[in-house]
């Protein structure tokens, strides 16, 4: 069997959720397809970095640069002229005109719940592309049961074709016990003393405006570190920061994107991860924090209760007062902190890229039949 995969999201050097999903899943699929005697064809819209993936005899790279509409024009043409036995897109959309065997991962449908967190054109394309995936794909993969329920609710997708497959975690991400390494990371990002950490893209869906309001209300001695690259529609966040009391504003840090080489140290040194996102189809930072041995505060909605597995203090993401109270509790209650850390370290054992790749491979076999 020849499996074609849209690998275009794997080439970025600053990986967020969907890019990390694509990269780590393909890495595991390369290993498992070799064991199963299958061939892989990876499609790229730009030349991949050297040594991105192992270039083995059963893996073919097809690099097809194209200025615009790469998926629906260039990739579509390639699939039509030289089709694989099954095509899989792990973080994007199946070409609209594709009619061969196909499967796709749908990560979340947050734009239905919080359309204001997207531009009108973005929301329209997300609705169109998700509906197209739902109709064209023989099999769908959802990151969580929450996303599966949303596919059924909003698109009437047959639940029998939706497979819940939990992503894994970077196997090299683990708690840093070297205090000097943590101190070097803190010095690099101008962190002094205890800190609460948010990690992810800065965008409205992450609920950072309310997080900043809650931090001001909680009146803690900690710094609040909002680590991540700037996404879209961040004007309200920066307006909120500008309106803070100067003493509070001085304790809010925006270090930008944190590379993989610093992520574990920054997580391990934090008093807690604070992640009251309005909607998540999965929520990698929650598991990354649990793997690094720190407690987590997260929203009590979407997939986060399902994914956190008892290893997070859950709060209403729309209630600033409740977020603030949760921040005070997770910063000051040592018994709670220890319980959350213990539960979190048990919870992360449920998530493995090898397990995810094995499940995805079975789904692709089914789609190809």
Protein backbone atom coordinates (compact mmCIF):
# COMPACT_ATOMS: atom_id res chain seq x y z
CA UNK A 1 0.00 0.00 0.00
CA UNK A 2 1.23 3.49 -0.91
CA UNK A 3 0.20 6.18 1.57
CA UNK A 4 0.40 9.83 0.48
CA UNK A 5 0.61 12.47 3.22
CA UNK A 6 0.35 16.26 3.08
CA UNK A 7 3.57 17.08 4.98
CA UNK A 8 3.46 20.83 4.28
CA UNK A 9 2.78 21.73 7.92
CA UNK A 10 5.84 19.87 9.16
CA UNK A 11 8.49 22.20 7.71
CA UNK A 12 8.01 25.18 10.04
CA UNK A 13 10.76 25.82 12.57
CA UNK A 14 8.36 27.34 15.13
CA UNK A 15 5.92 24.49 15.70
CA UNK A 16 2.62 25.08 17.41
CA UNK A 17 -0.09 22.45 17.90
CA UNK A 18 -0.97 21.42 14.34
CA UNK A 19 2.61 21.65 13.11
CA UNK A 20 3.85 19.51 16.02
CA UNK A 21 1.06 17.01 15.36
CA UNK A 22 2.07 16.67 11.72
CA UNK A 23 5.79 16.37 12.44
CA UNK A 24 5.66 13.81 15.24
CA UNK A 25 2.92 11.72 13.66
CA UNK A 26 4.81 11.46 10.36
CA UNK A 27 8.00 10.51 12.24
CA UNK A 28 6.19 7.62 13.90
CA UNK A 29 4.40 6.62 10.69
CA UNK A 30 7.75 6.39 8.88
CA UNK A 31 8.89 3.80 11.39
CA UNK A 32 5.64 1.85 11.48
CA UNK A 33 5.07 1.75 7.71
CA UNK A 34 8.52 0.24 7.26
CA UNK A 35 7.62 -2.48 9.76
CA UNK A 36 4.35 -3.13 7.91
CA UNK A 37 5.86 -3.14 4.41
CA UNK A 38 4.03 0.01 3.25
CA UNK A 39 5.43 2.91 1.21
CA UNK A 40 5.09 6.60 2.10
CA UNK A 41 4.97 9.58 -0.23
CA UNK A 42 5.33 12.95 1.51
CA UNK A 43 4.13 16.07 -0.31
CA UNK A 44 5.82 19.41 0.49
CA UNK A 45 5.07 22.93 -0.73
CA UNK A 46 8.68 23.97 -0.09
CA UNK A 47 11.97 22.10 0.32
CA UNK A 48 12.06 20.53 3.78
CA UNK A 49 14.98 21.24 6.11
CA UNK A 50 17.83 18.78 5.93
CA UNK A 51 17.24 15.68 8.06
CA UNK A 52 13.64 16.63 8.81
CA UNK A 53 12.61 13.00 8.33
CA UNK A 54 14.61 9.84 7.76
CA UNK A 55 15.05 9.36 4.01
CA UNK A 56 14.57 5.61 3.87
CA UNK A 57 13.93 3.38 0.88
CA UNK A 58 10.18 3.25 1.52
CA UNK A 59 9.84 7.06 1.88
CA UNK A 60 9.55 9.37 -1.14
CA UNK A 61 9.64 13.18 -0.97
CA UNK A 62 7.73 15.19 -3.54
CA UNK A 63 8.54 18.88 -3.33
CA UNK A 64 6.11 21.01 -5.34
CA UNK A 65 6.54 24.77 -4.77
CA UNK A 66 3.53 26.81 -5.83
CA UNK A 67 2.71 30.46 -5.16
CA UNK A 68 -0.95 30.27 -4.11
CA UNK A 69 -3.69 27.68 -3.60
CA UNK A 70 -1.11 24.93 -3.28
CA UNK A 71 -3.56 22.43 -1.81
CA UNK A 72 -6.44 22.90 -4.21
CA UNK A 73 -4.38 23.37 -7.40
CA UNK A 74 -0.86 21.94 -7.22
CA UNK A 75 -1.43 19.11 -4.74
CA UNK A 76 -4.79 18.30 -6.33
CA UNK A 77 -3.16 17.96 -9.74
CA UNK A 78 -0.44 15.69 -8.37
CA UNK A 79 -2.97 13.43 -6.66
CA UNK A 80 -5.03 13.19 -9.84
CA UNK A 81 -2.09 12.34 -12.15
CA UNK A 82 -0.26 9.95 -9.79
CA UNK A 83 -2.59 8.92 -6.97
CA UNK A 84 -1.47 6.97 -3.90
CA UNK A 85 -3.64 4.15 -2.59
CA UNK A 86 -4.84 6.45 0.17
CA UNK A 87 -4.21 10.15 0.86
CA UNK A 88 -4.00 11.56 4.40
CA UNK A 89 -3.91 15.16 5.55
CA UNK A 90 -2.96 15.47 9.23
CA UNK A 91 -3.44 19.19 9.71
CA UNK A 92 -5.13 20.77 6.75
CA UNK A 93 -7.79 20.02 4.15
CA UNK A 94 -8.23 17.42 1.43
CA UNK A 95 -8.19 19.08 -2.03
CA UNK A 96 -11.79 19.92 -2.89
CA UNK A 97 -11.72 18.02 -6.21
CA UNK A 98 -10.08 14.87 -4.82
CA UNK A 99 -12.20 11.76 -5.22
CA UNK A 100 -9.80 8.98 -4.28
CA UNK A 101 -9.49 7.20 -0.95
CA UNK A 102 -8.71 9.80 1.70
CA UNK A 103 -8.62 10.47 5.42
CA UNK A 104 -8.13 13.68 7.39
CA UNK A 105 -7.57 14.82 10.96
CA UNK A 106 -9.94 17.49 12.27
CA UNK A 107 -8.38 19.24 15.25
CA UNK A 108 -11.12 21.52 16.51
CA UNK A 109 -14.26 23.45 15.63
CA UNK A 110 -13.73 26.38 17.95
CA UNK A 111 -14.75 28.86 15.26
CA UNK A 112 -18.36 27.74 15.72
CA UNK A 113 -18.28 28.64 19.42
CA UNK A 114 -16.20 31.81 19.23
CA UNK A 115 -16.48 33.22 15.70
CA UNK A 116 -15.34 36.62 16.97
CA UNK A 117 -11.88 35.13 17.53
CA UNK A 118 -11.46 34.81 13.75
CA UNK A 119 -11.73 37.12 10.81
CA UNK A 120 -14.82 36.62 8.65
CA UNK A 121 -12.75 35.15 5.82
CA UNK A 122 -10.91 32.77 8.16
CA UNK A 123 -14.16 31.53 9.72
CA UNK A 124 -15.75 31.04 6.29
CA UNK A 125 -12.80 29.02 5.01
CA UNK A 126 -12.64 26.91 8.17
CA UNK A 127 -16.33 26.03 7.84
CA UNK A 128 -15.96 25.26 4.13
CA UNK A 129 -12.82 23.15 4.52
CA UNK A 130 -14.12 21.18 7.51
CA UNK A 131 -17.37 20.42 5.71
CA UNK A 132 -15.35 19.34 2.66
CA UNK A 133 -13.19 17.04 4.79
CA UNK A 134 -16.33 15.57 6.33
CA UNK A 135 -17.84 14.83 2.92
CA UNK A 136 -14.75 13.74 0.95
CA UNK A 137 -12.92 11.65 3.55
CA UNK A 138 -13.77 7.99 3.90
CA UNK A 139 -12.46 8.17 7.47
CA UNK A 140 -11.99 11.12 9.82
CA UNK A 141 -9.68 11.38 12.82
CA UNK A 142 -10.57 13.61 15.76
CA UNK A 143 -8.10 14.60 18.47
CA UNK A 144 -10.72 14.20 21.19
CA UNK A 145 -14.24 13.00 21.90
CA UNK A 146 -15.18 16.68 22.18
CA UNK A 147 -14.18 17.29 18.55
CA UNK A 148 -16.05 14.15 17.45
CA UNK A 149 -19.24 15.44 19.12
CA UNK A 150 -18.79 18.79 17.36
CA UNK A 151 -18.42 17.15 13.95
CA UNK A 152 -21.68 15.31 14.46
CA UNK A 153 -23.41 18.40 15.83
CA UNK A 154 -22.35 20.98 13.26
CA UNK A 155 -21.93 18.90 10.10
CA UNK A 156 -24.10 15.87 10.67
CA UNK A 157 -21.09 13.64 10.11
CA UNK A 158 -21.71 9.94 10.50
CA UNK A 159 -20.14 9.11 13.90
CA UNK A 160 -19.12 5.70 12.55
CA UNK A 161 -16.52 7.34 10.27
CA UNK A 162 -15.03 9.53 13.05
CA UNK A 163 -12.16 7.90 14.94
CA UNK A 164 -10.90 9.48 18.17
CA UNK A 165 -7.11 9.17 18.27
CA UNK A 166 -5.25 11.07 20.96
CA UNK A 167 -1.99 12.70 19.83
CA UNK A 168 1.21 11.99 21.70
CA UNK A 169 3.89 14.13 23.31
CA UNK A 170 7.43 14.94 22.26
CA UNK A 171 9.29 11.97 23.78
CA UNK A 172 12.26 14.20 24.59
CA UNK A 173 10.17 16.62 26.67
CA UNK A 174 10.61 15.86 30.35
CA UNK A 175 11.02 17.63 33.67
CA UNK A 176 14.27 19.52 34.11
CA UNK A 177 15.79 18.93 37.55
CA UNK A 178 18.94 20.97 36.93
CA UNK A 179 18.26 24.24 38.75
CA UNK A 180 21.07 25.99 36.87
CA UNK A 181 19.44 25.15 33.52
CA UNK A 182 16.13 26.56 34.77
CA UNK A 183 17.93 29.66 36.07
CA UNK A 184 19.59 30.21 32.68
CA UNK A 185 16.22 30.04 30.93
CA UNK A 186 14.71 32.48 33.43
CA UNK A 187 17.60 34.89 33.00
CA UNK A 188 17.25 34.72 29.23
CA UNK A 189 13.58 35.72 29.47
CA UNK A 190 14.04 38.28 32.30
CA UNK A 191 12.04 36.21 34.79
CA UNK A 192 12.70 36.98 38.43
CA UNK A 193 11.10 35.04 41.27
CA UNK A 194 8.03 32.80 41.00
CA UNK A 195 6.02 32.89 37.80
CA UNK A 196 2.82 31.60 36.27
CA UNK A 197 3.22 30.51 32.67
CA UNK A 198 0.96 30.57 29.64
CA UNK A 199 2.43 28.87 26.58
CA UNK A 200 0.84 29.02 23.14
CA UNK A 201 0.01 31.40 20.32
CA UNK A 202 -1.24 34.83 21.40
CA UNK A 203 -4.73 34.99 19.89
CA UNK A 204 -8.28 35.73 21.10
CA UNK A 205 -9.37 32.10 21.42
CA UNK A 206 -6.75 31.59 24.12
CA UNK A 207 -8.65 33.98 26.44
CA UNK A 208 -5.57 36.00 27.34
CA UNK A 209 -7.46 39.23 27.96
CA UNK A 210 -9.42 37.60 30.78
CA UNK A 211 -6.26 35.88 32.01
CA UNK A 212 -4.52 39.24 32.34
CA UNK A 213 -7.57 40.71 34.12
CA UNK A 214 -7.61 37.75 36.51
CA UNK A 215 -3.89 38.11 37.19
CA UNK A 216 -4.41 41.75 38.19
CA UNK A 217 -7.33 40.75 40.41
CA UNK A 218 -5.49 37.84 42.06
CA UNK A 219 -2.78 40.18 43.42
CA UNK A 220 -0.08 37.52 43.60
CA UNK A 221 3.68 38.12 44.00
CA UNK A 222 4.29 36.12 40.83
CA UNK A 223 5.12 37.25 37.35
CA UNK A 224 2.81 36.23 34.52
CA UNK A 225 4.74 34.98 31.49
CA UNK A 226 2.76 34.88 28.22
CA UNK A 227 5.08 32.82 26.04
CA UNK A 228 4.26 32.37 22.37
CA UNK A 229 4.36 33.97 18.98
CA UNK A 230 1.85 36.69 18.17
CA UNK A 231 -1.17 35.48 16.21
CA UNK A 232 -4.07 37.44 14.82
CA UNK A 233 -6.35 40.02 16.47
CA UNK A 234 -4.12 40.73 19.45
CA UNK A 235 -5.12 44.39 19.69
CA UNK A 236 -7.48 43.85 22.65
CA UNK A 237 -4.80 41.99 24.59
CA UNK A 238 -2.26 44.77 24.16
CA UNK A 239 -4.88 47.39 25.00
CA UNK A 240 -5.65 45.47 28.21
CA UNK A 241 -1.96 45.31 29.07
CA UNK A 242 -1.57 49.04 28.47
CA UNK A 243 -4.50 49.76 30.81
CA UNK A 244 -3.01 47.83 33.74
CA UNK A 245 -1.58 49.51 36.77
CA UNK A 246 2.09 50.11 36.04
CA UNK A 247 3.25 47.83 38.86
CA UNK A 248 1.10 44.97 37.57
CA UNK A 249 2.08 45.60 33.96
CA UNK A 250 5.75 45.36 34.90
CA UNK A 251 5.12 41.78 36.09
CA UNK A 252 3.63 40.61 32.78
CA UNK A 253 6.29 39.34 30.38
CA UNK A 254 5.92 38.54 26.68
CA UNK A 255 9.09 36.68 25.67
CA UNK A 256 7.76 35.60 22.27
CA UNK A 257 8.11 32.12 20.83
CA UNK A 258 10.02 29.69 23.06
CA UNK A 259 12.17 27.20 21.10
CA UNK A 260 12.11 23.51 21.92
CA UNK A 261 15.55 23.82 23.53
CA UNK A 262 14.12 26.11 26.24
CA UNK A 263 10.57 24.79 26.59
CA UNK A 264 11.19 22.09 29.20
CA UNK A 265 13.25 24.37 31.45
CA UNK A 266 10.71 27.20 31.28
CA UNK A 267 7.85 24.81 32.07
CA UNK A 268 9.74 23.03 34.85
CA UNK A 269 10.54 26.29 36.62
CA UNK A 270 6.98 27.65 36.60
CA UNK A 271 4.72 27.66 39.62
CA UNK A 272 1.92 26.51 37.31
CA UNK A 273 0.68 26.55 33.75
CA UNK A 274 -2.37 28.80 33.37
CA UNK A 275 -4.43 27.82 30.33
CA UNK A 276 -8.05 29.04 30.51
CA UNK A 277 -8.53 28.78 26.74
CA UNK A 278 -12.02 29.39 25.39
CA UNK A 279 -11.87 26.31 23.19
CA UNK A 280 -9.36 23.53 22.49
CA UNK A 281 -9.69 20.47 20.31
CA UNK A 282 -6.82 19.01 22.29
CA UNK A 283 -4.46 21.36 24.18
CA UNK A 284 -0.83 20.24 23.99
CA UNK A 285 0.49 22.73 26.61
CA UNK A 286 -1.58 21.03 29.34
CA UNK A 287 0.14 17.70 28.76
CA UNK A 288 3.55 19.33 28.30
CA UNK A 289 3.18 20.98 31.70
CA UNK A 290 2.13 17.69 33.29
CA UNK A 291 5.14 15.95 31.73
CA UNK A 292 7.36 18.64 33.27
CA UNK A 293 5.91 18.12 36.75
CA UNK A 294 4.01 21.35 37.34
CA UNK A 295 0.33 21.89 38.26
CA UNK A 296 -2.13 23.14 35.67
CA UNK A 297 -5.05 25.55 35.73
CA UNK A 298 -7.28 25.02 32.69
CA UNK A 299 -10.75 25.81 31.37
CA UNK A 300 -13.60 23.49 32.33
CA UNK A 301 -14.86 23.36 28.74
CA UNK A 302 -14.25 21.77 25.31
CA UNK A 303 -11.66 18.97 25.40
CA UNK A 304 -9.62 20.21 28.37
CA UNK A 305 -11.38 18.19 31.13
CA UNK A 306 -11.09 15.10 28.91
CA UNK A 307 -7.41 15.65 28.11
CA UNK A 308 -6.19 16.83 31.53
CA UNK A 309 -7.42 13.63 33.19
CA UNK A 310 -7.74 14.93 36.75
CA UNK A 311 -4.39 16.68 36.58
CA UNK A 312 -5.72 20.24 36.32
CA UNK A 313 -7.70 22.70 38.41
CA UNK A 314 -10.64 23.53 36.15
CA UNK A 315 -12.28 26.97 36.04
CA UNK A 316 -14.96 28.74 34.03
CA UNK A 317 -13.00 30.53 31.26
CA UNK A 318 -15.67 33.25 31.02
CA UNK A 319 -15.52 34.15 34.74
CA UNK A 320 -12.58 36.44 35.53
CA UNK A 321 -13.21 36.13 39.25
CA UNK A 322 -13.12 32.34 39.11
CA UNK A 323 -9.90 32.38 37.07
CA UNK A 324 -8.34 34.74 39.65
CA UNK A 325 -9.46 32.54 42.56
CA UNK A 326 -8.04 29.52 40.76
CA UNK A 327 -4.71 31.28 40.29
CA UNK A 328 -4.57 32.10 44.00
CA UNK A 329 -5.45 28.52 44.91
CA UNK A 330 -2.97 26.84 42.59
CA UNK A 331 -0.21 29.22 43.69
CA UNK A 332 -0.83 28.88 47.43
CA UNK A 333 -2.32 25.45 48.21
CA UNK A 334 0.62 23.04 48.42
CA UNK A 335 -1.52 19.94 48.96
CA UNK A 336 -3.53 20.77 45.84
CA UNK A 337 -0.35 21.39 43.86
CA UNK A 338 1.11 18.02 44.83
CA UNK A 339 -2.13 16.19 43.97
CA UNK A 340 -2.36 17.87 40.57
CA UNK A 341 1.25 17.07 39.75
CA UNK A 342 0.83 13.41 40.74
CA UNK A 343 -2.38 13.06 38.75
CA UNK A 344 -0.81 14.84 35.79
CA UNK A 345 2.21 12.58 35.65
CA UNK A 346 -0.09 9.56 35.65
CA UNK A 347 -2.30 11.14 33.00
CA UNK A 348 0.46 11.78 30.45
CA UNK A 349 1.14 8.06 30.22
CA UNK A 350 -2.04 7.80 28.13
CA UNK A 351 -0.51 9.75 25.24
CA UNK A 352 2.08 8.30 22.86
CA UNK A 353 2.97 9.03 19.23
CA UNK A 354 3.64 5.36 18.61
CA UNK A 355 0.14 4.50 19.82
CA UNK A 356 -1.32 7.34 17.74
CA UNK A 357 0.57 6.26 14.59
CA UNK A 358 -0.53 2.65 15.04
CA UNK A 359 -4.18 3.73 15.29
CA UNK A 360 -3.87 6.09 12.30
CA UNK A 361 -2.28 3.33 10.21
CA UNK A 362 -5.24 1.01 10.91
CA UNK A 363 -7.61 3.82 9.89
CA UNK A 364 -5.71 4.41 6.65
CA UNK A 365 -5.84 0.69 5.87
CA UNK A 366 -9.62 0.84 6.35
CA UNK A 367 -9.95 3.96 4.15
CA UNK A 368 -7.95 2.34 1.36
CA UNK A 369 -10.23 -0.69 1.13
